[in-house]
């Protein structure tokens, strides 16, 4: 037997070579630094309350109370309490077949956002097309 193979056994290297990883990360960093200024940001043009149109003559209003109970009112009548499961059918009944009759959601300031979104989602899934949110007109002094 040769003397070199008897006494010297090769030990396996169990360390990870970090140089290729660092090279790849530096290349990615340079690519992101070059392309970041080229990306254009989207501009969202939101309507302001001062430019909104007057309230329609005929409207179905869904009122979300501070206790998250739902009430439906149409044509300034007395509101009636309704469950979320029956909301879509009640709104359709109040629209009386007119799909162009808008539905306005009025919510108390203390109502959780999730409750309002749940109402909007229920109406959207039922195929109600014109759904909006009621807003309070801002005072001329901005308050």
C-alpha atoms as a PDB file:
ATOM      1  CA  UNK A   1       0.000   0.000   0.000  1.00  0.00           C
ATOM      2  CA  UNK A   2       1.188   3.463  -0.716  1.00  0.00           C
ATOM      3  CA  UNK A   3       2.123   5.554   2.279  1.00  0.00           C
ATOM      4  CA  UNK A   4      -0.078   8.479   1.279  1.00  0.00           C
ATOM      5  CA  UNK A   5      -3.363   6.574   1.283  1.00  0.00           C
ATOM      6  CA  UNK A   6      -2.761   4.808   4.591  1.00  0.00           C
ATOM      7  CA  UNK A   7      -2.338   7.601   7.067  1.00  0.00           C
ATOM      8  CA  UNK A   8      -4.008  10.590   5.432  1.00  0.00           C
ATOM      9  CA  UNK A   9      -7.771  10.347   5.147  1.00  0.00           C
ATOM     10  CA  UNK A  10      -9.624  13.166   3.525  1.00  0.00           C
ATOM     11  CA  UNK A  11     -12.033  14.987   5.756  1.00  0.00           C
ATOM     12  CA  UNK A  12     -15.181  16.290   4.183  1.00  0.00           C
ATOM     13  CA  UNK A  13     -15.743  20.024   4.391  1.00  0.00           C
ATOM     14  CA  UNK A  14     -19.052  20.699   6.070  1.00  0.00           C
ATOM     15  CA  UNK A  15     -18.969  24.480   5.761  1.00  0.00           C
ATOM     16  CA  UNK A  16     -21.096  26.360   3.254  1.00  0.00           C
ATOM     17  CA  UNK A  17     -19.259  28.486   0.759  1.00  0.00           C
ATOM     18  CA  UNK A  18     -20.830  31.966   1.081  1.00  0.00           C
ATOM     19  CA  UNK A  19     -19.033  33.641  -1.834  1.00  0.00           C
ATOM     20  CA  UNK A  20     -21.548  32.642  -4.577  1.00  0.00           C
ATOM     21  CA  UNK A  21     -24.449  33.636  -2.331  1.00  0.00           C
ATOM     22  CA  UNK A  22     -22.920  37.070  -1.680  1.00  0.00           C
ATOM     23  CA  UNK A  23     -22.236  37.534  -5.400  1.00  0.00           C
ATOM     24  CA  UNK A  24     -25.850  36.808  -6.298  1.00  0.00           C
ATOM     25  CA  UNK A  25     -27.150  39.149  -3.585  1.00  0.00           C
ATOM     26  CA  UNK A  26     -24.906  41.992  -4.776  1.00  0.00           C
ATOM     27  CA  UNK A  27     -26.095  41.537  -8.360  1.00  0.00           C
ATOM     28  CA  UNK A  28     -29.733  41.616  -7.215  1.00  0.00           C
ATOM     29  CA  UNK A  29     -29.055  44.730  -5.142  1.00  0.00           C
ATOM     30  CA  UNK A  30     -27.573  46.511  -8.148  1.00  0.00           C
ATOM     31  CA  UNK A  31     -30.514  45.480 -10.348  1.00  0.00           C
ATOM     32  CA  UNK A  32     -33.038  46.793  -7.814  1.00  0.00           C
ATOM     33  CA  UNK A  33     -31.104  50.035  -7.351  1.00  0.00           C
ATOM     34  CA  UNK A  34     -31.092  50.659 -11.093  1.00  0.00           C
ATOM     35  CA  UNK A  35     -34.735  49.740 -11.739  1.00  0.00           C
ATOM     36  CA  UNK A  36     -36.330  51.397  -8.671  1.00  0.00           C
ATOM     37  CA  UNK A  37     -36.270  54.959 -10.093  1.00  0.00           C
ATOM     38  CA  UNK A  38     -37.749  53.711 -13.369  1.00  0.00           C
ATOM     39  CA  UNK A  39     -40.923  52.322 -11.780  1.00  0.00           C
ATOM     40  CA  UNK A  40     -43.808  54.751 -12.076  1.00  0.00           C
ATOM     41  CA  UNK A  41     -46.230  54.954  -9.208  1.00  0.00           C
ATOM     42  CA  UNK A  42     -49.945  54.809  -9.934  1.00  0.00           C
ATOM     43  CA  UNK A  43     -51.992  57.896  -9.201  1.00  0.00           C
ATOM     44  CA  UNK A  44     -55.429  57.377  -7.706  1.00  0.00           C
ATOM     45  CA  UNK A  45     -57.823  60.233  -8.357  1.00  0.00           C
ATOM     46  CA  UNK A  46     -60.350  60.174  -5.517  1.00  0.00           C
ATOM     47  CA  UNK A  47     -63.474  62.314  -5.663  1.00  0.00           C
ATOM     48  CA  UNK A  48     -63.872  64.905  -2.991  1.00  0.00           C
ATOM     49  CA  UNK A  49     -67.054  65.412  -1.018  1.00  0.00           C
ATOM     50  CA  UNK A  50     -67.430  69.002  -2.151  1.00  0.00           C
ATOM     51  CA  UNK A  51     -67.764  67.830  -5.774  1.00  0.00           C
ATOM     52  CA  UNK A  52     -70.327  65.124  -5.138  1.00  0.00           C
ATOM     53  CA  UNK A  53     -73.731  65.361  -6.724  1.00  0.00           C
ATOM     54  CA  UNK A  54     -76.946  65.954  -4.851  1.00  0.00           C
ATOM     55  CA  UNK A  55     -78.634  62.959  -3.298  1.00  0.00           C
ATOM     56  CA  UNK A  56     -80.978  61.149  -5.719  1.00  0.00           C
ATOM     57  CA  UNK A  57     -84.721  61.509  -5.212  1.00  0.00           C
ATOM     58  CA  UNK A  58     -85.299  57.768  -4.704  1.00  0.00           C
ATOM     59  CA  UNK A  59     -82.715  55.907  -2.663  1.00  0.00           C
ATOM     60  CA  UNK A  60     -82.497  52.787  -0.504  1.00  0.00           C
ATOM     61  CA  UNK A  61     -80.502  53.442   2.655  1.00  0.00           C
ATOM     62  CA  UNK A  62     -78.804  50.718   4.699  1.00  0.00           C
ATOM     63  CA  UNK A  63     -78.030  52.005   8.195  1.00  0.00           C
ATOM     64  CA  UNK A  64     -75.305  50.287  10.223  1.00  0.00           C
ATOM     65  CA  UNK A  65     -75.809  51.266  13.850  1.00  0.00           C
ATOM     66  CA  UNK A  66     -73.139  51.556  16.520  1.00  0.00           C
ATOM     67  CA  UNK A  67     -74.188  48.079  17.740  1.00  0.00           C
ATOM     68  CA  UNK A  68     -73.715  46.811  14.121  1.00  0.00           C
ATOM     69  CA  UNK A  69     -77.445  46.139  13.689  1.00  0.00           C
ATOM     70  CA  UNK A  70     -78.714  46.694  10.178  1.00  0.00           C
ATOM     71  CA  UNK A  71     -81.746  48.759   9.269  1.00  0.00           C
ATOM     72  CA  UNK A  72     -83.121  49.418   5.801  1.00  0.00           C
ATOM     73  CA  UNK A  73     -85.052  52.511   4.807  1.00  0.00           C
ATOM     74  CA  UNK A  74     -86.426  53.612   1.439  1.00  0.00           C
ATOM     75  CA  UNK A  75     -87.949  56.946   0.423  1.00  0.00           C
ATOM     76  CA  UNK A  76     -87.610  58.472   3.926  1.00  0.00           C
ATOM     77  CA  UNK A  77     -89.903  55.852   5.466  1.00  0.00           C
ATOM     78  CA  UNK A  78     -89.404  54.382   8.922  1.00  0.00           C
ATOM     79  CA  UNK A  79     -86.366  52.025   8.870  1.00  0.00           C
ATOM     80  CA  UNK A  80     -86.919  48.339   9.502  1.00  0.00           C
ATOM     81  CA  UNK A  81     -84.382  46.041  11.188  1.00  0.00           C
ATOM     82  CA  UNK A  82     -83.019  43.228   9.033  1.00  0.00           C
ATOM     83  CA  UNK A  83     -80.428  40.462   9.446  1.00  0.00           C
ATOM     84  CA  UNK A  84     -77.334  40.351   7.249  1.00  0.00           C
ATOM     85  CA  UNK A  85     -78.522  37.123   5.589  1.00  0.00           C
ATOM     86  CA  UNK A  86     -81.792  38.779   4.491  1.00  0.00           C
ATOM     87  CA  UNK A  87     -80.250  42.138   3.591  1.00  0.00           C
ATOM     88  CA  UNK A  88     -79.910  41.534  -0.142  1.00  0.00           C
ATOM     89  CA  UNK A  89     -83.497  40.360  -0.602  1.00  0.00           C
ATOM     90  CA  UNK A  90     -84.808  43.277   1.471  1.00  0.00           C
ATOM     91  CA  UNK A  91     -82.831  45.785  -0.599  1.00  0.00           C
ATOM     92  CA  UNK A  92     -84.064  44.193  -3.836  1.00  0.00           C
ATOM     93  CA  UNK A  93     -87.635  44.395  -2.539  1.00  0.00           C
ATOM     94  CA  UNK A  94     -87.187  48.070  -1.628  1.00  0.00           C
ATOM     95  CA  UNK A  95     -85.710  48.793  -5.047  1.00  0.00           C
ATOM     96  CA  UNK A  96     -88.956  47.445  -6.533  1.00  0.00           C
ATOM     97  CA  UNK A  97     -87.310  46.034  -9.634  1.00  0.00           C
ATOM     98  CA  UNK A  98     -85.424  49.222 -10.471  1.00  0.00           C
ATOM     99  CA  UNK A  99     -81.756  48.252 -10.619  1.00  0.00           C
ATOM    100  CA  UNK A 100     -80.817  51.887 -11.173  1.00  0.00           C
ATOM    101  CA  UNK A 101     -82.070  52.868  -7.683  1.00  0.00           C
ATOM    102  CA  UNK A 102     -78.899  53.592  -5.682  1.00  0.00           C
ATOM    103  CA  UNK A 103     -78.170  51.978  -2.322  1.00  0.00           C
ATOM    104  CA  UNK A 104     -76.439  54.206   0.226  1.00  0.00           C
ATOM    105  CA  UNK A 105     -74.726  52.752   3.299  1.00  0.00           C
ATOM    106  CA  UNK A 106     -74.785  55.002   6.348  1.00  0.00           C
ATOM    107  CA  UNK A 107     -72.656  53.958   9.291  1.00  0.00           C
ATOM    108  CA  UNK A 108     -71.942  55.413  12.693  1.00  0.00           C
ATOM    109  CA  UNK A 109     -68.407  56.678  13.189  1.00  0.00           C
ATOM    110  CA  UNK A 110     -67.761  54.069  15.885  1.00  0.00           C
ATOM    111  CA  UNK A 111     -68.715  51.091  13.687  1.00  0.00           C
ATOM    112  CA  UNK A 112     -65.843  48.796  12.779  1.00  0.00           C
ATOM    113  CA  UNK A 113     -64.725  48.989   9.162  1.00  0.00           C
ATOM    114  CA  UNK A 114     -65.212  45.222   8.851  1.00  0.00           C
ATOM    115  CA  UNK A 115     -68.971  45.558   9.436  1.00  0.00           C
ATOM    116  CA  UNK A 116     -69.347  48.111   6.625  1.00  0.00           C
ATOM    117  CA  UNK A 117     -67.277  45.991   4.237  1.00  0.00           C
ATOM    118  CA  UNK A 118     -69.379  42.947   5.101  1.00  0.00           C
ATOM    119  CA  UNK A 119     -72.535  44.879   4.110  1.00  0.00           C
ATOM    120  CA  UNK A 120     -70.941  46.067   0.870  1.00  0.00           C
ATOM    121  CA  UNK A 121     -69.766  42.541   0.043  1.00  0.00           C
ATOM    122  CA  UNK A 122     -73.218  41.074   0.695  1.00  0.00           C
ATOM    123  CA  UNK A 123     -74.833  43.612  -1.629  1.00  0.00           C
ATOM    124  CA  UNK A 124     -72.197  43.132  -4.315  1.00  0.00           C
ATOM    125  CA  UNK A 125     -72.573  39.337  -4.271  1.00  0.00           C
ATOM    126  CA  UNK A 126     -76.331  39.761  -4.659  1.00  0.00           C
ATOM    127  CA  UNK A 127     -75.810  41.791  -7.827  1.00  0.00           C
ATOM    128  CA  UNK A 128     -76.766  45.230  -6.499  1.00  0.00           C
ATOM    129  CA  UNK A 129     -74.966  47.556  -8.880  1.00  0.00           C
ATOM    130  CA  UNK A 130     -75.120  51.068  -7.433  1.00  0.00           C
ATOM    131  CA  UNK A 131     -73.772  50.965  -3.871  1.00  0.00           C
ATOM    132  CA  UNK A 132     -72.261  54.023  -2.228  1.00  0.00           C
ATOM    133  CA  UNK A 133     -71.302  55.386   1.160  1.00  0.00           C
ATOM    134  CA  UNK A 134     -73.037  58.317   2.808  1.00  0.00           C
ATOM    135  CA  UNK A 135     -70.708  61.157   3.739  1.00  0.00           C
ATOM    136  CA  UNK A 136     -71.083  64.203   5.892  1.00  0.00           C
ATOM    137  CA  UNK A 137     -70.480  67.478   4.111  1.00  0.00           C
ATOM    138  CA  UNK A 138     -67.417  69.248   5.500  1.00  0.00           C
ATOM    139  CA  UNK A 139     -67.902  72.708   6.899  1.00  0.00           C
ATOM    140  CA  UNK A 140     -66.440  75.553   4.781  1.00  0.00           C
ATOM    141  CA  UNK A 141     -63.804  76.215   7.467  1.00  0.00           C
ATOM    142  CA  UNK A 142     -62.526  72.625   7.025  1.00  0.00           C
ATOM    143  CA  UNK A 143     -63.985  71.214  10.266  1.00  0.00           C
END
